[in-house]
Amino acid sequence: MVIVVGVSLALLGGIITWFVVGRDSSSSTCNGLAESERVERSLGAAVQPGMSCAAFGEAIVKATVNGEPGRHSQQQAQALKDVLFAVGFTQPSDFTLDPALRLPLATALADYTADVHEILAALDSKYVVEGDQLAPPWESGGTYHLSVHGDFFRDVVRAISEDPRAYALLRAAETRHVARELAGVPHDAKEASLSLPPTKSARVLGVLDGIAAVAVDRLDEDEARAWRARAVAELERGLAAPAGEGNDPDDRLTAAWLQSFEGTGAEGRFDHLRTQGVDLARIWLKSRNTDEATQESVLAEVEGSALTGFKEIES
């Protein structure tokens, strides 16, 4: 009788362990993506039985990104949304990603930078409302957009950023997006129309600064030094070639910032990223021949916004 009870308790303990641990996607191969029926349906033919996690990462990119940068079908946007929810929605904030998933997820997200920008900024009500899991992607500007809940999305980006190459890829994409946003501001813009784009952009860059700080804090001194050096090198490499013909206003803004960034001493270059939002805004305002009083006012707002974004990740 005692033996039977003991076996029963052991079996019960095993069942409980399966529910608590076995169903936690972070504890299984490839973060449980291969076992997600919803993800498998979304990725479609890109998924094959018995795939390695590296192959699954390639399948994610194949199913969510097409040949035209920044343009996506509803099916592609829905596939990426399903992957993001499967990866991070039910996980603790400090979950880790299978290393084979980090760069592919960054590659996919870098092609949805307009959406990443808005989700991290958390200022557009459309992206807040559409962040629910059941809310489908929506069409605007000739492409489909997606949103997810900002709280767990930041955790996903943090988990991706454990790979400095993946972080640099996202940071480079955001840098180019910020340059496009600033270049698109009408020349006669005043007050909020002038200050909101650089302020919002600095907030997102501040969030990315905070995510980098968290990633580095989890490493020992040598690992942290290597992470910072790799991130900076990959960022510089990613921004070296112009996105367009090189003469577009956004390309010139990106190139001007990169030149000033590379002029910083190698040791302090990573820390200099903390001022990227302000530096981009300053270069942009000067290119518009904005008067000094307006520049000072806007830059003060930009600096405060960047700090707010940074502190939100640290808290």
C-alpha atoms as a PDB file:
ATOM      1  CA  MET A   1       0.000   0.000   0.000  1.00  0.00           C
ATOM      2  CA  VAL A   2       2.801   2.383   0.935  1.00  0.00           C
ATOM      3  CA  ILE A   3       4.605   1.555  -2.299  1.00  0.00           C
ATOM      4  CA  VAL A   4       1.468   2.226  -4.346  1.00  0.00           C
ATOM      5  CA  VAL A   5       0.909   5.563  -2.634  1.00  0.00           C
ATOM      6  CA  GLY A   6       4.564   6.484  -3.192  1.00  0.00           C
ATOM      7  CA  VAL A   7       4.371   5.654  -6.880  1.00  0.00           C
ATOM      8  CA  SER A   8       1.124   7.601  -7.192  1.00  0.00           C
ATOM      9  CA  LEU A   9       2.654  10.658  -5.541  1.00  0.00           C
ATOM     10  CA  ALA A  10       5.688  10.419  -7.795  1.00  0.00           C
ATOM     11  CA  LEU A  11       3.449  10.208 -10.852  1.00  0.00           C
ATOM     12  CA  LEU A  12       1.386  13.141  -9.631  1.00  0.00           C
ATOM     13  CA  GLY A  13       4.574  15.111  -9.067  1.00  0.00           C
ATOM     14  CA  GLY A  14       5.653  14.335 -12.608  1.00  0.00           C
ATOM     15  CA  ILE A  15       2.346  15.532 -14.004  1.00  0.00           C
ATOM     16  CA  ILE A  16       2.545  18.754 -12.007  1.00  0.00           C
ATOM     17  CA  THR A  17       6.111  19.297 -13.183  1.00  0.00           C
ATOM     18  CA  TRP A  18       4.993  18.862 -16.796  1.00  0.00           C
ATOM     19  CA  PHE A  19       2.276  21.484 -16.387  1.00  0.00           C
ATOM     20  CA  VAL A  20       4.573  23.943 -14.645  1.00  0.00           C
ATOM     21  CA  VAL A  21       7.786  23.345 -16.614  1.00  0.00           C
ATOM     22  CA  GLY A  22       6.916  21.327 -19.673  1.00  0.00           C
ATOM     23  CA  ARG A  23       4.390  23.874 -20.873  1.00  0.00           C
ATOM     24  CA  ASP A  24       6.806  26.781 -20.358  1.00  0.00           C
ATOM     25  CA  SER A  25       7.994  27.477 -23.882  1.00  0.00           C
ATOM     26  CA  SER A  26      11.267  28.958 -22.655  1.00  0.00           C
ATOM     27  CA  SER A  27      12.250  25.577 -21.208  1.00  0.00           C
ATOM     28  CA  SER A  28      11.716  23.598 -24.403  1.00  0.00           C
ATOM     29  CA  THR A  29      13.656  23.455 -27.642  1.00  0.00           C
ATOM     30  CA  CYS A  30      13.256  26.582 -29.795  1.00  0.00           C
ATOM     31  CA  ASN A  31      11.084  28.176 -27.093  1.00  0.00           C
ATOM     32  CA  GLY A  32       8.228  25.849 -27.899  1.00  0.00           C
ATOM     33  CA  LEU A  33       7.564  27.375 -31.315  1.00  0.00           C
ATOM     34  CA  ALA A  34       7.754  24.028 -33.072  1.00  0.00           C
ATOM     35  CA  GLU A  35       4.949  22.733 -30.840  1.00  0.00           C
ATOM     36  CA  SER A  36       2.637  25.709 -31.429  1.00  0.00           C
ATOM     37  CA  GLU A  37      -0.182  24.764 -33.784  1.00  0.00           C
ATOM     38  CA  ARG A  38      -1.058  28.411 -34.341  1.00  0.00           C
ATOM     39  CA  VAL A  39       2.502  29.271 -35.342  1.00  0.00           C
ATOM     40  CA  GLU A  40       2.701  26.210 -37.586  1.00  0.00           C
ATOM     41  CA  ARG A  41      -0.489  27.258 -39.370  1.00  0.00           C
ATOM     42  CA  SER A  42       0.758  30.821 -39.767  1.00  0.00           C
ATOM     43  CA  LEU A  43       4.151  29.862 -41.153  1.00  0.00           C
ATOM     44  CA  GLY A  44       2.577  27.318 -43.507  1.00  0.00           C
ATOM     45  CA  ALA A  45       4.815  25.605 -46.026  1.00  0.00           C
ATOM     46  CA  ALA A  46       7.915  27.224 -44.521  1.00  0.00           C
ATOM     47  CA  VAL A  47       7.704  24.711 -41.642  1.00  0.00           C
ATOM     48  CA  GLN A  48       8.871  21.133 -42.144  1.00  0.00           C
ATOM     49  CA  PRO A  49       8.766  18.253 -39.647  1.00  0.00           C
ATOM     50  CA  GLY A  50      11.925  17.738 -37.607  1.00  0.00           C
ATOM     51  CA  MET A  51      13.398  21.152 -38.381  1.00  0.00           C
ATOM     52  CA  SER A  52      16.296  22.413 -36.283  1.00  0.00           C
ATOM     53  CA  CYS A  53      15.761  25.657 -34.383  1.00  0.00           C
ATOM     54  CA  ALA A  54      18.110  27.430 -36.818  1.00  0.00           C
ATOM     55  CA  ALA A  55      15.970  26.200 -39.718  1.00  0.00           C
ATOM     56  CA  PHE A  56      12.843  27.273 -37.853  1.00  0.00           C
ATOM     57  CA  GLY A  57      14.315  30.754 -37.517  1.00  0.00           C
ATOM     58  CA  GLU A  58      14.914  30.854 -41.265  1.00  0.00           C
ATOM     59  CA  ALA A  59      11.312  29.745 -41.769  1.00  0.00           C
ATOM     60  CA  ILE A  60      10.100  32.682 -39.682  1.00  0.00           C
ATOM     61  CA  VAL A  61      11.984  35.140 -41.878  1.00  0.00           C
ATOM     62  CA  LYS A  62      10.775  33.443 -45.041  1.00  0.00           C
ATOM     63  CA  ALA A  63       7.135  33.559 -43.925  1.00  0.00           C
ATOM     64  CA  THR A  64       7.137  37.148 -42.634  1.00  0.00           C
ATOM     65  CA  VAL A  65       9.402  39.106 -45.002  1.00  0.00           C
ATOM     66  CA  ASN A  66       9.199  39.414 -48.781  1.00  0.00           C
ATOM     67  CA  GLY A  67      11.374  40.921 -51.492  1.00  0.00           C
ATOM     68  CA  GLU A  68      10.155  44.493 -51.056  1.00  0.00           C
ATOM     69  CA  PRO A  69      11.503  45.991 -47.807  1.00  0.00           C
ATOM     70  CA  GLY A  70       8.834  47.195 -45.426  1.00  0.00           C
ATOM     71  CA  ARG A  71       5.942  45.815 -47.481  1.00  0.00           C
ATOM     72  CA  HIS A  72       3.942  42.929 -46.074  1.00  0.00           C
ATOM     73  CA  SER A  73       0.787  41.006 -46.796  1.00  0.00           C
ATOM     74  CA  GLN A  74      -1.823  40.395 -44.137  1.00  0.00           C
ATOM     75  CA  GLN A  75      -0.704  36.776 -43.884  1.00  0.00           C
ATOM     76  CA  GLN A  76       2.925  37.771 -43.345  1.00  0.00           C
ATOM     77  CA  ALA A  77       2.077  40.306 -40.651  1.00  0.00           C
ATOM     78  CA  GLN A  78      -0.234  37.817 -38.938  1.00  0.00           C
ATOM     79  CA  ALA A  79       2.502  35.171 -38.972  1.00  0.00           C
ATOM     80  CA  LEU A  80       4.951  37.483 -37.208  1.00  0.00           C
ATOM     81  CA  LYS A  81       2.315  38.510 -34.676  1.00  0.00           C
ATOM     82  CA  ASP A  82       1.577  34.852 -33.898  1.00  0.00           C
ATOM     83  CA  VAL A  83       5.287  34.138 -33.446  1.00  0.00           C
ATOM     84  CA  LEU A  84       5.722  37.083 -31.074  1.00  0.00           C
ATOM     85  CA  PHE A  85       2.785  36.029 -28.928  1.00  0.00           C
ATOM     86  CA  ALA A  86       3.992  32.424 -28.883  1.00  0.00           C
ATOM     87  CA  VAL A  87       7.495  33.475 -27.865  1.00  0.00           C
ATOM     88  CA  GLY A  88       6.840  35.989 -25.130  1.00  0.00           C
ATOM     89  CA  PHE A  89       3.234  36.557 -24.093  1.00  0.00           C
ATOM     90  CA  THR A  90       3.074  34.081 -21.184  1.00  0.00           C
ATOM     91  CA  GLN A  91       6.741  34.233 -20.206  1.00  0.00           C
ATOM     92  CA  PRO A  92       8.363  35.977 -17.224  1.00  0.00           C
ATOM     93  CA  SER A  93      10.065  39.265 -18.068  1.00  0.00           C
ATOM     94  CA  ASP A  94      13.540  37.724 -17.801  1.00  0.00           C
ATOM     95  CA  PHE A  95      12.943  34.800 -20.160  1.00  0.00           C
ATOM     96  CA  THR A  96      15.656  33.792 -22.602  1.00  0.00           C
ATOM     97  CA  LEU A  97      15.477  32.952 -26.289  1.00  0.00           C
ATOM     98  CA  ASP A  98      17.107  30.009 -27.990  1.00  0.00           C
ATOM     99  CA  PRO A  99      20.275  31.584 -29.492  1.00  0.00           C
ATOM    100  CA  ALA A 100      19.259  30.287 -32.936  1.00  0.00           C
ATOM    101  CA  LEU A 101      16.125  32.467 -32.830  1.00  0.00           C
ATOM    102  CA  ARG A 102      17.662  35.806 -31.887  1.00  0.00           C
ATOM    103  CA  LEU A 103      19.100  36.932 -35.210  1.00  0.00           C
ATOM    104  CA  PRO A 104      16.187  35.626 -37.336  1.00  0.00           C
ATOM    105  CA  LEU A 105      13.641  37.409 -35.139  1.00  0.00           C
ATOM    106  CA  ALA A 106      15.699  40.597 -35.314  1.00  0.00           C
ATOM    107  CA  THR A 107      15.866  40.226 -39.097  1.00  0.00           C
ATOM    108  CA  ALA A 108      12.096  39.924 -39.310  1.00  0.00           C
ATOM    109  CA  LEU A 109      11.417  42.799 -36.916  1.00  0.00           C
ATOM    110  CA  ALA A 110      13.889  45.056 -38.715  1.00  0.00           C
ATOM    111  CA  ASP A 111      11.619  44.830 -41.773  1.00  0.00           C
ATOM    112  CA  TYR A 112       8.669  45.989 -39.632  1.00  0.00           C
ATOM    113  CA  THR A 113      10.516  48.954 -38.132  1.00  0.00           C
ATOM    114  CA  ALA A 114       7.583  51.345 -38.474  1.00  0.00           C
ATOM    115  CA  ASP A 115       5.563  48.998 -36.258  1.00  0.00           C
ATOM    116  CA  VAL A 116       8.441  48.339 -33.864  1.00  0.00           C
ATOM    117  CA  HIS A 117       8.896  52.101 -33.520  1.00  0.00           C
ATOM    118  CA  GLU A 118       5.252  52.668 -32.589  1.00  0.00           C
ATOM    119  CA  ILE A 119       4.998  49.686 -30.229  1.00  0.00           C
ATOM    120  CA  LEU A 120       8.106  50.744 -28.305  1.00  0.00           C
ATOM    121  CA  ALA A 121       7.032  54.405 -28.235  1.00  0.00           C
ATOM    122  CA  ALA A 122       3.600  53.422 -26.846  1.00  0.00           C
ATOM    123  CA  LEU A 123       2.116  56.773 -27.863  1.00  0.00           C
ATOM    124  CA  ASP A 124      -0.149  55.840 -30.781  1.00  0.00           C
ATOM    125  CA  SER A 125      -3.567  54.697 -29.571  1.00  0.00           C
ATOM    126  CA  LYS A 126      -4.051  52.623 -32.731  1.00  0.00           C
ATOM    127  CA  TYR A 127      -1.150  50.397 -31.751  1.00  0.00           C
ATOM    128  CA  VAL A 128      -2.458  50.076 -28.201  1.00  0.00           C
ATOM    129  CA  VAL A 129      -5.946  49.060 -29.327  1.00  0.00           C
ATOM    130  CA  GLU A 130      -4.665  46.617 -31.973  1.00  0.00           C
ATOM    131  CA  GLY A 131      -2.176  44.975 -29.611  1.00  0.00           C
ATOM    132  CA  ASP A 132      -4.589  42.268 -28.514  1.00  0.00           C
ATOM    133  CA  GLN A 133      -3.811  38.756 -29.718  1.00  0.00           C
ATOM    134  CA  LEU A 134      -7.098  38.452 -31.603  1.00  0.00           C
ATOM    135  CA  ALA A 135      -6.795  41.828 -33.357  1.00  0.00           C
ATOM    136  CA  PRO A 136      -5.786  41.210 -36.990  1.00  0.00           C
ATOM    137  CA  PRO A 137      -3.159  43.231 -38.902  1.00  0.00           C
ATOM    138  CA  TRP A 138      -4.532  46.299 -40.654  1.00  0.00           C
ATOM    139  CA  GLU A 139      -3.774  47.902 -43.997  1.00  0.00           C
ATOM    140  CA  SER A 140      -2.362  51.418 -44.232  1.00  0.00           C
ATOM    141  CA  GLY A 141      -0.010  53.091 -46.671  1.00  0.00           C
ATOM    142  CA  GLY A 142       0.082  50.144 -49.042  1.00  0.00           C
ATOM    143  CA  THR A 143       1.152  47.532 -46.487  1.00  0.00           C
ATOM    144  CA  TYR A 144      -0.176  45.623 -43.482  1.00  0.00           C
ATOM    145  CA  HIS A 145       0.793  46.603 -39.964  1.00  0.00           C
ATOM    146  CA  LEU A 146       0.766  44.656 -36.728  1.00  0.00           C
ATOM    147  CA  SER A 147       0.834  45.403 -33.036  1.00  0.00           C
ATOM    148  CA  VAL A 148       1.300  43.416 -29.838  1.00  0.00           C
ATOM    149  CA  HIS A 149       1.166  44.356 -26.164  1.00  0.00           C
ATOM    150  CA  GLY A 150       4.051  46.697 -25.454  1.00  0.00           C
ATOM    151  CA  ASP A 151       4.957  45.222 -22.084  1.00  0.00           C
ATOM    152  CA  PHE A 152       5.895  41.768 -23.319  1.00  0.00           C
ATOM    153  CA  PHE A 153       7.198  43.089 -26.648  1.00  0.00           C
ATOM    154  CA  ARG A 154       9.939  44.939 -24.803  1.00  0.00           C
ATOM    155  CA  ASP A 155      10.828  41.687 -23.090  1.00  0.00           C
ATOM    156  CA  VAL A 156      11.029  39.987 -26.489  1.00  0.00           C
ATOM    157  CA  VAL A 157      13.355  42.699 -27.801  1.00  0.00           C
ATOM    158  CA  ARG A 158      15.456  42.385 -24.642  1.00  0.00           C
ATOM    159  CA  ALA A 159      15.724  38.610 -25.140  1.00  0.00           C
ATOM    160  CA  ILE A 160      16.667  39.096 -28.804  1.00  0.00           C
ATOM    161  CA  SER A 161      19.306  41.620 -27.793  1.00  0.00           C
ATOM    162  CA  GLU A 162      21.329  39.077 -25.860  1.00  0.00           C
ATOM    163  CA  ASP A 163      22.969  38.659 -29.261  1.00  0.00           C
ATOM    164  CA  PRO A 164      24.793  41.954 -29.974  1.00  0.00           C
ATOM    165  CA  ARG A 165      24.440  41.397 -33.729  1.00  0.00           C
ATOM    166  CA  ALA A 166      20.666  41.193 -33.337  1.00  0.00           C
ATOM    167  CA  TYR A 167      20.617  44.314 -31.191  1.00  0.00           C
ATOM    168  CA  ALA A 168      22.704  46.221 -33.722  1.00  0.00           C
ATOM    169  CA  LEU A 169      20.382  45.139 -36.515  1.00  0.00           C
ATOM    170  CA  LEU A 170      17.349  46.517 -34.681  1.00  0.00           C
ATOM    171  CA  ARG A 171      19.217  49.680 -33.699  1.00  0.00           C
ATOM    172  CA  ALA A 172      20.364  50.333 -37.258  1.00  0.00           C
ATOM    173  CA  ALA A 173      16.830  49.855 -38.569  1.00  0.00           C
ATOM    174  CA  GLU A 174      15.481  52.244 -35.937  1.00  0.00           C
ATOM    175  CA  THR A 175      18.169  54.816 -36.738  1.00  0.00           C
ATOM    176  CA  ARG A 176      17.177  54.803 -40.403  1.00  0.00           C
ATOM    177  CA  HIS A 177      13.496  55.010 -39.478  1.00  0.00           C
ATOM    178  CA  VAL A 178      14.113  58.001 -37.226  1.00  0.00           C
ATOM    179  CA  ALA A 179      16.001  59.723 -40.040  1.00  0.00           C
ATOM    180  CA  ARG A 180      13.079  59.110 -42.411  1.00  0.00           C
ATOM    181  CA  GLU A 181      10.600  60.427 -39.850  1.00  0.00           C
ATOM    182  CA  LEU A 182      12.589  63.605 -39.291  1.00  0.00           C
ATOM    183  CA  ALA A 183      13.255  64.164 -42.979  1.00  0.00           C
ATOM    184  CA  GLY A 184       9.528  63.917 -43.642  1.00  0.00           C
ATOM    185  CA  VAL A 185       8.547  66.749 -41.278  1.00  0.00           C
ATOM    186  CA  PRO A 186       7.229  69.701 -43.328  1.00  0.00           C
ATOM    187  CA  HIS A 187       9.636  72.628 -43.407  1.00  0.00           C
ATOM    188  CA  ASP A 188       6.984  74.996 -42.041  1.00  0.00           C
ATOM    189  CA  ALA A 189       6.154  72.778 -39.041  1.00  0.00           C
ATOM    190  CA  LYS A 190       5.971  74.578 -35.709  1.00  0.00           C
ATOM    191  CA  GLU A 191       5.424  73.795 -32.035  1.00  0.00           C
ATOM    192  CA  ALA A 192       4.127  70.230 -31.492  1.00  0.00           C
ATOM    193  CA  SER A 193       4.331  69.370 -35.186  1.00  0.00           C
ATOM    194  CA  LEU A 194       8.029  70.193 -35.017  1.00  0.00           C
ATOM    195  CA  SER A 195       8.880  68.717 -31.618  1.00  0.00           C
ATOM    196  CA  LEU A 196       6.828  65.501 -31.561  1.00  0.00           C
ATOM    197  CA  PRO A 197       8.771  63.491 -34.211  1.00  0.00           C
ATOM    198  CA  PRO A 198      12.223  63.953 -32.610  1.00  0.00           C
ATOM    199  CA  THR A 199      10.798  63.583 -29.095  1.00  0.00           C
ATOM    200  CA  LYS A 200       8.996  60.358 -29.948  1.00  0.00           C
ATOM    201  CA  SER A 201      12.051  59.011 -31.726  1.00  0.00           C
ATOM    202  CA  ALA A 202      14.302  59.820 -28.783  1.00  0.00           C
ATOM    203  CA  ARG A 203      11.923  57.925 -26.512  1.00  0.00           C
ATOM    204  CA  VAL A 204      12.301  54.780 -28.629  1.00  0.00           C
ATOM    205  CA  LEU A 205      16.075  55.147 -28.772  1.00  0.00           C
ATOM    206  CA  GLY A 206      16.043  55.581 -24.990  1.00  0.00           C
ATOM    207  CA  VAL A 207      14.107  52.336 -24.646  1.00  0.00           C
ATOM    208  CA  LEU A 208      16.748  50.613 -26.780  1.00  0.00           C
ATOM    209  CA  ASP A 209      19.446  52.150 -24.584  1.00  0.00           C
ATOM    210  CA  GLY A 210      17.735  50.650 -21.548  1.00  0.00           C
ATOM    211  CA  ILE A 211      17.461  47.250 -23.223  1.00  0.00           C
ATOM    212  CA  ALA A 212      21.181  47.334 -24.038  1.00  0.00           C
ATOM    213  CA  ALA A 213      21.986  48.224 -20.438  1.00  0.00           C
ATOM    214  CA  VAL A 214      19.986  45.244 -19.172  1.00  0.00           C
ATOM    215  CA  ALA A 215      21.696  42.924 -21.663  1.00  0.00           C
ATOM    216  CA  VAL A 216      25.144  44.095 -20.588  1.00  0.00           C
ATOM    217  CA  ASP A 217      24.370  43.979 -16.860  1.00  0.00           C
ATOM    218  CA  ARG A 218      23.772  40.231 -17.109  1.00  0.00           C
ATOM    219  CA  LEU A 219      27.308  39.599 -18.370  1.00  0.00           C
ATOM    220  CA  ASP A 220      30.662  39.514 -16.646  1.00  0.00           C
ATOM    221  CA  GLU A 221      33.167  42.276 -17.379  1.00  0.00           C
ATOM    222  CA  ASP A 222      34.894  40.599 -20.315  1.00  0.00           C
ATOM    223  CA  GLU A 223      31.629  39.438 -21.861  1.00  0.00           C
ATOM    224  CA  ALA A 224      30.118  42.908 -21.482  1.00  0.00           C
ATOM    225  CA  ARG A 225      33.128  44.504 -23.153  1.00  0.00           C
ATOM    226  CA  ALA A 226      32.866  42.065 -26.053  1.00  0.00           C
ATOM    227  CA  TRP A 227      29.092  42.640 -26.347  1.00  0.00           C
ATOM    228  CA  ARG A 228      29.512  46.414 -26.530  1.00  0.00           C
ATOM    229  CA  ALA A 229      32.329  46.212 -29.072  1.00  0.00           C
ATOM    230  CA  ARG A 230      30.412  43.814 -31.315  1.00  0.00           C
ATOM    231  CA  ALA A 231      27.215  45.867 -31.107  1.00  0.00           C
ATOM    232  CA  VAL A 232      29.017  49.079 -32.074  1.00  0.00           C
ATOM    233  CA  ALA A 233      30.923  47.435 -34.923  1.00  0.00           C
ATOM    234  CA  GLU A 234      27.788  45.836 -36.344  1.00  0.00           C
ATOM    235  CA  LEU A 235      25.818  49.084 -36.018  1.00  0.00           C
ATOM    236  CA  GLU A 236      28.491  51.027 -37.895  1.00  0.00           C
ATOM    237  CA  ARG A 237      28.635  48.376 -40.576  1.00  0.00           C
ATOM    238  CA  GLY A 238      24.847  48.307 -40.902  1.00  0.00           C
ATOM    239  CA  LEU A 239      24.633  52.072 -41.391  1.00  0.00           C
ATOM    240  CA  ALA A 240      27.652  52.441 -43.651  1.00  0.00           C
ATOM    241  CA  ALA A 241      25.729  51.918 -46.895  1.00  0.00           C
ATOM    242  CA  PRO A 242      22.905  54.379 -47.655  1.00  0.00           C
ATOM    243  CA  ALA A 243      19.381  52.996 -47.704  1.00  0.00           C
ATOM    244  CA  GLY A 244      18.570  54.882 -50.919  1.00  0.00           C
ATOM    245  CA  GLU A 245      20.649  56.763 -53.473  1.00  0.00           C
ATOM    246  CA  GLY A 246      22.675  58.478 -50.779  1.00  0.00           C
ATOM    247  CA  ASN A 247      21.411  61.965 -51.606  1.00  0.00           C
ATOM    248  CA  ASP A 248      18.030  61.669 -49.902  1.00  0.00           C
ATOM    249  CA  PRO A 249      17.562  63.838 -46.788  1.00  0.00           C
ATOM    250  CA  ASP A 250      17.242  60.788 -44.529  1.00  0.00           C
ATOM    251  CA  ASP A 251      20.408  59.224 -45.940  1.00  0.00           C
ATOM    252  CA  ARG A 252      22.298  62.494 -45.413  1.00  0.00           C
ATOM    253  CA  LEU A 253      21.032  62.725 -41.838  1.00  0.00           C
ATOM    254  CA  THR A 254      22.038  59.133 -41.110  1.00  0.00           C
ATOM    255  CA  ALA A 255      25.469  59.675 -42.680  1.00  0.00           C
ATOM    256  CA  ALA A 256      26.042  62.889 -40.720  1.00  0.00           C
ATOM    257  CA  TRP A 257      25.180  61.179 -37.433  1.00  0.00           C
ATOM    258  CA  LEU A 258      27.364  58.170 -38.257  1.00  0.00           C
ATOM    259  CA  GLN A 259      30.294  60.440 -39.068  1.00  0.00           C
ATOM    260  CA  SER A 260      30.002  62.216 -35.726  1.00  0.00           C
ATOM    261  CA  PHE A 261      29.559  58.891 -33.934  1.00  0.00           C
ATOM    262  CA  GLU A 262      32.660  57.389 -35.509  1.00  0.00           C
ATOM    263  CA  GLY A 263      34.568  60.518 -34.480  1.00  0.00           C
ATOM    264  CA  THR A 264      34.052  59.506 -30.869  1.00  0.00           C
ATOM    265  CA  GLY A 265      36.877  57.590 -29.196  1.00  0.00           C
ATOM    266  CA  ALA A 266      36.489  53.831 -29.512  1.00  0.00           C
ATOM    267  CA  GLU A 267      36.270  53.342 -25.744  1.00  0.00           C
ATOM    268  CA  GLY A 268      33.417  55.774 -25.311  1.00  0.00           C
ATOM    269  CA  ARG A 269      31.542  55.019 -28.503  1.00  0.00           C
ATOM    270  CA  PHE A 270      29.000  52.654 -26.971  1.00  0.00           C
ATOM    271  CA  ASP A 271      28.168  55.118 -24.186  1.00  0.00           C
ATOM    272  CA  HIS A 272      27.778  57.814 -26.840  1.00  0.00           C
ATOM    273  CA  LEU A 273      24.739  55.946 -28.148  1.00  0.00           C
ATOM    274  CA  ARG A 274      22.860  57.336 -25.147  1.00  0.00           C
ATOM    275  CA  THR A 275      22.837  60.755 -26.857  1.00  0.00           C
ATOM    276  CA  GLN A 276      21.778  59.498 -30.291  1.00  0.00           C
ATOM    277  CA  GLY A 277      18.267  60.945 -30.087  1.00  0.00           C
ATOM    278  CA  VAL A 278      19.578  64.390 -29.161  1.00  0.00           C
ATOM    279  CA  ASP A 279      22.408  64.245 -31.696  1.00  0.00           C
ATOM    280  CA  LEU A 280      20.104  63.278 -34.567  1.00  0.00           C
ATOM    281  CA  ALA A 281      17.645  65.999 -33.586  1.00  0.00           C
ATOM    282  CA  ARG A 282      20.411  68.619 -33.385  1.00  0.00           C
ATOM    283  CA  ILE A 283      21.787  67.738 -36.827  1.00  0.00           C
ATOM    284  CA  TRP A 284      18.255  67.789 -38.242  1.00  0.00           C
ATOM    285  CA  LEU A 285      17.311  71.142 -36.680  1.00  0.00           C
ATOM    286  CA  LYS A 286      20.488  72.775 -37.934  1.00  0.00           C
ATOM    287  CA  SER A 287      19.871  71.454 -41.445  1.00  0.00           C
ATOM    288  CA  ARG A 288      16.504  73.265 -41.329  1.00  0.00           C
ATOM    289  CA  ASN A 289      18.158  76.524 -40.215  1.00  0.00           C
ATOM    290  CA  THR A 290      15.992  76.492 -37.104  1.00  0.00           C
ATOM    291  CA  ASP A 291      16.607  79.470 -34.813  1.00  0.00           C
ATOM    292  CA  GLU A 292      18.642  78.871 -31.650  1.00  0.00           C
ATOM    293  CA  ALA A 293      15.777  79.437 -29.219  1.00  0.00           C
ATOM    294  CA  THR A 294      13.643  76.821 -30.950  1.00  0.00           C
ATOM    295  CA  GLN A 295      16.567  74.417 -31.104  1.00  0.00           C
ATOM    296  CA  GLU A 296      17.201  74.716 -27.373  1.00  0.00           C
ATOM    297  CA  SER A 297      13.521  74.200 -26.573  1.00  0.00           C
ATOM    298  CA  VAL A 298      13.112  71.146 -28.798  1.00  0.00           C
ATOM    299  CA  LEU A 299      16.392  69.569 -27.712  1.00  0.00           C
ATOM    300  CA  ALA A 300      15.427  69.907 -24.051  1.00  0.00           C
ATOM    301  CA  GLU A 301      12.233  67.965 -24.765  1.00  0.00           C
ATOM    302  CA  VAL A 302      14.149  65.382 -26.775  1.00  0.00           C
ATOM    303  CA  GLU A 303      16.687  64.828 -24.002  1.00  0.00           C
ATOM    304  CA  GLY A 304      13.947  64.376 -21.405  1.00  0.00           C
ATOM    305  CA  SER A 305      12.080  61.935 -23.616  1.00  0.00           C
ATOM    306  CA  ALA A 306      15.186  59.790 -24.162  1.00  0.00           C
ATOM    307  CA  LEU A 307      15.812  59.644 -20.426  1.00  0.00           C
ATOM    308  CA  THR A 308      12.207  58.654 -19.757  1.00  0.00           C
ATOM    309  CA  GLY A 309      12.419  55.780 -22.231  1.00  0.00           C
ATOM    310  CA  PHE A 310      15.668  54.589 -20.681  1.00  0.00           C
ATOM    311  CA  LYS A 311      14.339  54.673 -17.120  1.00  0.00           C
ATOM    312  CA  GLU A 312      11.209  52.739 -18.066  1.00  0.00           C
ATOM    313  CA  ILE A 313      13.389  49.741 -18.910  1.00  0.00           C
ATOM    314  CA  GLU A 314      15.596  50.103 -15.856  1.00  0.00           C
ATOM    315  CA  SER A 315      12.661  50.297 -13.427  1.00  0.00           C
END
